[in-house]
Amino acid sequence: MGLMFQLQAQTDTIIRKQPLSKYLKQSIAPVTLIGAGMYMKLNKTGFNDLSVRNNVVSTYPNFHTHADDYLRFAAIPIIYLPELVGIKAKTDIKNRTAILLKAEVIMLTTVTLLKNETHVIRPDGSNDKSFPSGHAAQAFLGAVIIQKEYGSKSILFPIAGYTIATSVGLMRILNNRHYTSDVLVGAGIGMLSAHIAYWTHRYKWNKNVVVMPTYSNRSAGLYFSMTF
């Protein structure tokens, strides 16, 4: 199977006119998480990555699960499925998908660059891609989108989103795959990526959309084109 994307972009990265206080308010949580993570990573006091990691390993020496590998993506179906039972999202499906894709690109680019530049060894010593946590970034990105799309319908939606995201972060620490700072910074990056995707979106993705199957050289695929 193959997947082909053709995106003809014009000016979808201009921040929409909103009060500056709105951006500052939405930035508080992710910036706080990133700041707390950096403090834990760099400080030499008793409350740092190593002290927390040693305490977790001694308290839960046999903890191991793969649930975090799947739960990090749990928000994606929640972003779409409520509409099947009549719960309307804030944004139409095409623009919602565009926002999700944009947020994913911002998050994945940031996380990958940091992992490749910092070379932080994981707590279990498996590799040097510990900082920041991509699992936490993915989970919290989804939680923000759930909150924005369905938070006005019921408080249960953001509660579910952030509960799942927090559980993913905790499991990464309990699995000895990440330090606490990795998870905090990853969570902040995921949240900020989602916010930036909304801030810069111009809601023109409901026009000129083409989706059709393709077949070439015995390989099936999907052609996806959006002009915005």
Protein backbone atom coordinates (compact mmCIF):
# COMPACT_ATOMS: atom_id res chain seq x y z
CA MET A 1 0.00 0.00 0.00
CA GLY A 2 1.15 3.54 -0.66
CA LEU A 3 -0.03 6.95 0.40
CA MET A 4 0.44 10.05 -1.73
CA PHE A 5 -0.12 13.58 -0.46
CA GLN A 6 -0.31 16.68 -2.62
CA LEU A 7 -0.68 19.86 -0.58
CA GLN A 8 -0.87 23.19 -2.37
CA ALA A 9 -0.45 25.67 0.45
CA GLN A 10 -0.75 29.40 0.21
CA THR A 11 -0.99 31.34 3.48
CA ASP A 12 -2.24 28.99 6.19
CA THR A 13 0.43 29.96 8.70
CA ILE A 14 -0.71 33.47 9.56
CA ILE A 15 -1.84 33.76 13.16
CA ARG A 16 -5.49 34.72 13.22
CA LYS A 17 -6.41 37.96 14.96
CA GLN A 18 -7.05 37.12 18.58
CA PRO A 19 -6.43 39.01 21.81
CA LEU A 20 -2.84 38.57 22.95
CA SER A 21 -4.15 37.45 26.33
CA LYS A 22 -5.70 34.39 24.68
CA TYR A 23 -2.34 33.17 23.41
CA LEU A 24 -0.68 33.89 26.73
CA LYS A 25 -3.40 32.07 28.67
CA GLN A 26 -3.22 28.99 26.47
CA SER A 27 0.58 28.99 26.70
CA ILE A 28 0.72 28.90 30.50
CA ALA A 29 0.24 25.14 30.97
CA PRO A 30 2.64 23.92 28.24
CA VAL A 31 5.32 26.47 29.09
CA THR A 32 5.04 25.55 32.78
CA LEU A 33 5.44 21.86 31.97
CA ILE A 34 8.48 22.53 29.78
CA GLY A 35 10.00 24.77 32.45
CA ALA A 36 9.40 22.20 35.19
CA GLY A 37 10.94 19.50 33.03
CA MET A 38 14.03 21.56 32.32
CA TYR A 39 14.40 22.32 36.03
CA MET A 40 14.29 18.62 36.90
CA LYS A 41 16.74 17.83 34.10
CA LEU A 42 19.31 20.41 35.13
CA ASN A 43 19.06 20.97 38.90
CA LYS A 44 21.31 19.25 41.41
CA THR A 45 18.92 19.20 44.37
CA GLY A 46 17.28 16.14 45.88
CA PHE A 47 14.31 16.44 43.54
CA ASN A 48 15.70 15.67 40.12
CA ASP A 49 15.49 13.01 37.41
CA LEU A 50 17.83 10.53 39.04
CA SER A 51 16.22 10.72 42.49
CA VAL A 52 12.72 10.19 41.08
CA ARG A 53 13.89 7.41 38.78
CA ASN A 54 15.66 5.54 41.60
CA ASN A 55 12.59 5.83 43.80
CA VAL A 56 10.28 4.55 41.06
CA VAL A 57 12.51 1.59 40.20
CA SER A 58 12.87 0.56 43.84
CA THR A 59 9.12 0.88 44.46
CA TYR A 60 7.92 -0.79 41.24
CA PRO A 61 10.82 -3.05 40.18
CA ASN A 62 8.69 -5.42 38.10
CA PHE A 63 6.38 -2.94 36.41
CA HIS A 64 6.12 -3.44 32.66
CA THR A 65 3.38 -2.74 30.15
CA HIS A 66 2.94 -1.96 26.46
CA ALA A 67 -0.34 -0.13 27.04
CA ASP A 68 1.37 3.24 26.66
CA ASP A 69 2.39 2.35 23.09
CA TYR A 70 -1.30 2.17 22.15
CA LEU A 71 -2.91 4.69 24.50
CA ARG A 72 -0.79 7.53 23.12
CA PHE A 73 -2.99 7.36 19.99
CA ALA A 74 -6.28 6.93 21.86
CA ALA A 75 -7.24 10.57 21.34
CA ILE A 76 -7.33 10.27 17.55
CA PRO A 77 -10.55 8.20 17.33
CA ILE A 78 -12.09 10.35 20.09
CA ILE A 79 -11.52 13.39 17.86
CA TYR A 80 -13.88 11.86 15.28
CA LEU A 81 -16.17 9.22 16.83
CA PRO A 82 -18.50 11.43 18.93
CA GLU A 83 -20.04 12.83 15.75
CA LEU A 84 -21.28 9.33 14.92
CA VAL A 85 -23.64 9.56 17.90
CA GLY A 86 -24.72 13.12 17.19
CA ILE A 87 -22.18 15.10 19.24
CA LYS A 88 -21.02 17.85 16.91
CA ALA A 89 -17.40 18.99 17.07
CA LYS A 90 -16.44 22.67 17.04
CA THR A 91 -14.65 22.32 13.69
CA ASP A 92 -15.81 20.51 10.54
CA ILE A 93 -14.07 17.25 9.74
CA LYS A 94 -11.82 18.56 6.94
CA ASN A 95 -10.49 21.52 8.90
CA ARG A 96 -10.22 19.35 12.02
CA THR A 97 -8.10 16.86 10.09
CA ALA A 98 -5.93 19.67 8.71
CA ILE A 99 -5.38 21.00 12.23
CA LEU A 100 -4.51 17.52 13.51
CA LEU A 101 -2.02 16.96 10.68
CA LYS A 102 -0.42 20.36 11.19
CA ALA A 103 -0.10 19.76 14.94
CA GLU A 104 1.46 16.34 14.29
CA VAL A 105 4.05 17.84 11.93
CA ILE A 106 4.99 20.56 14.44
CA MET A 107 5.21 18.07 17.30
CA LEU A 108 7.10 15.34 15.44
CA THR A 109 9.59 17.82 13.97
CA THR A 110 10.30 19.36 17.39
CA VAL A 111 10.59 16.04 19.21
CA THR A 112 12.79 14.47 16.54
CA LEU A 113 15.15 17.44 16.41
CA LEU A 114 15.54 17.48 20.20
CA LYS A 115 16.11 13.73 20.40
CA ASN A 116 18.77 13.89 17.70
CA GLU A 117 20.50 16.92 19.19
CA THR A 118 20.46 16.10 22.92
CA HIS A 119 21.38 12.37 22.86
CA VAL A 120 20.06 11.76 26.38
CA ILE A 121 20.45 8.11 27.41
CA ARG A 122 17.21 6.44 28.46
CA PRO A 123 16.93 5.33 32.11
CA ASP A 124 17.08 1.69 30.97
CA GLY A 125 20.17 2.40 28.83
CA SER A 126 18.55 1.13 25.62
CA ASN A 127 19.43 4.16 23.44
CA ASP A 128 20.12 7.90 23.48
CA LYS A 129 16.65 9.11 22.41
CA SER A 130 15.17 9.76 25.83
CA PHE A 131 14.59 13.52 25.66
CA PRO A 132 11.80 14.47 25.19
CA SER A 133 9.08 11.81 25.40
CA GLY A 134 7.37 11.38 22.04
CA HIS A 135 4.65 9.26 23.67
CA ALA A 136 3.76 12.07 26.08
CA ALA A 137 3.87 14.65 23.29
CA GLN A 138 1.48 12.59 21.15
CA ALA A 139 -0.94 11.94 24.01
CA PHE A 140 -1.13 15.56 25.20
CA LEU A 141 -1.45 16.88 21.65
CA GLY A 142 -4.57 14.74 21.32
CA ALA A 143 -5.89 15.86 24.70
CA VAL A 144 -5.75 19.52 23.66
CA ILE A 145 -7.63 18.84 20.42
CA ILE A 146 -10.31 16.89 22.29
CA GLN A 147 -10.69 19.78 24.72
CA LYS A 148 -10.98 22.35 21.94
CA GLU A 149 -13.41 20.33 19.83
CA TYR A 150 -15.71 18.86 22.48
CA GLY A 151 -14.95 20.68 25.74
CA SER A 152 -17.99 22.91 25.32
CA LYS A 153 -20.23 19.83 24.99
CA SER A 154 -19.17 18.12 28.20
CA ILE A 155 -16.36 18.42 30.74
CA LEU A 156 -16.03 14.64 30.49
CA PHE A 157 -14.26 14.94 27.13
CA PRO A 158 -11.24 16.95 28.35
CA ILE A 159 -11.17 14.92 31.55
CA ALA A 160 -10.92 11.73 29.49
CA GLY A 161 -8.30 13.21 27.17
CA TYR A 162 -6.01 14.46 29.90
CA THR A 163 -6.51 11.35 32.05
CA ILE A 164 -5.35 9.17 29.17
CA ALA A 165 -2.43 11.49 28.42
CA THR A 166 -1.33 11.60 32.06
CA SER A 167 -1.55 7.81 32.26
CA VAL A 168 0.71 7.51 29.22
CA GLY A 169 3.27 9.82 30.81
CA LEU A 170 3.22 7.89 34.09
CA MET A 171 3.63 4.56 32.30
CA ARG A 172 6.66 5.87 30.43
CA ILE A 173 8.28 6.64 33.78
CA LEU A 174 7.16 3.39 35.43
CA ASN A 175 8.42 1.41 32.44
CA ASN A 176 11.85 3.00 33.03
CA ARG A 177 11.82 4.33 29.47
CA HIS A 178 11.87 8.01 30.36
CA TYR A 179 12.91 10.37 33.09
CA THR A 180 10.23 12.61 34.57
CA SER A 181 11.70 15.64 32.78
CA ASP A 182 11.38 13.87 29.42
CA VAL A 183 7.66 13.37 30.03
CA LEU A 184 7.03 16.90 31.28
CA VAL A 185 8.80 18.53 28.33
CA GLY A 186 7.15 16.14 25.88
CA ALA A 187 3.73 16.94 27.31
CA GLY A 188 4.40 20.66 26.98
CA ILE A 189 5.57 20.29 23.38
CA GLY A 190 2.48 18.27 22.48
CA MET A 191 0.13 20.82 23.99
CA LEU A 192 1.91 23.79 22.44
CA SER A 193 1.98 22.09 19.02
CA ALA A 194 -1.80 21.69 19.11
CA HIS A 195 -2.33 25.29 20.20
CA ILE A 196 -0.06 26.60 17.43
CA ALA A 197 -1.99 24.53 14.88
CA TYR A 198 -5.23 26.21 15.96
CA TRP A 199 -3.68 29.68 16.22
CA THR A 200 -2.40 29.54 12.65
CA HIS A 201 -5.34 27.84 10.99
CA ARG A 202 -7.50 29.82 8.55
CA TYR A 203 -10.34 27.31 8.08
CA LYS A 204 -10.17 27.05 4.28
CA TRP A 205 -9.56 23.31 4.05
CA ASN A 206 -13.17 22.55 3.18
CA LYS A 207 -12.54 23.54 -0.45
CA ASN A 208 -10.81 21.82 -3.35
CA VAL A 209 -10.35 18.42 -1.70
CA VAL A 210 -9.65 15.33 -3.80
CA VAL A 211 -9.38 11.80 -2.39
CA MET A 212 -9.18 8.81 -4.73
CA PRO A 213 -7.57 5.36 -4.89
CA THR A 214 -4.52 4.77 -7.08
CA TYR A 215 -2.86 1.71 -8.57
CA SER A 216 0.57 1.63 -10.18
CA ASN A 217 3.23 -1.06 -10.61
CA ARG A 218 1.14 -3.55 -8.64
CA SER A 219 0.97 -1.17 -5.71
CA ALA A 220 -2.32 0.21 -4.40
CA GLY A 221 -2.47 3.57 -2.72
CA LEU A 222 -4.49 6.64 -1.87
CA TYR A 223 -4.19 10.02 -3.57
CA PHE A 224 -5.00 12.91 -1.24
CA SER A 225 -4.95 16.50 -2.48
CA MET A 226 -5.92 19.67 -0.64
CA THR A 227 -5.66 23.21 -1.95
CA PHE A 228 -5.95 25.83 0.75
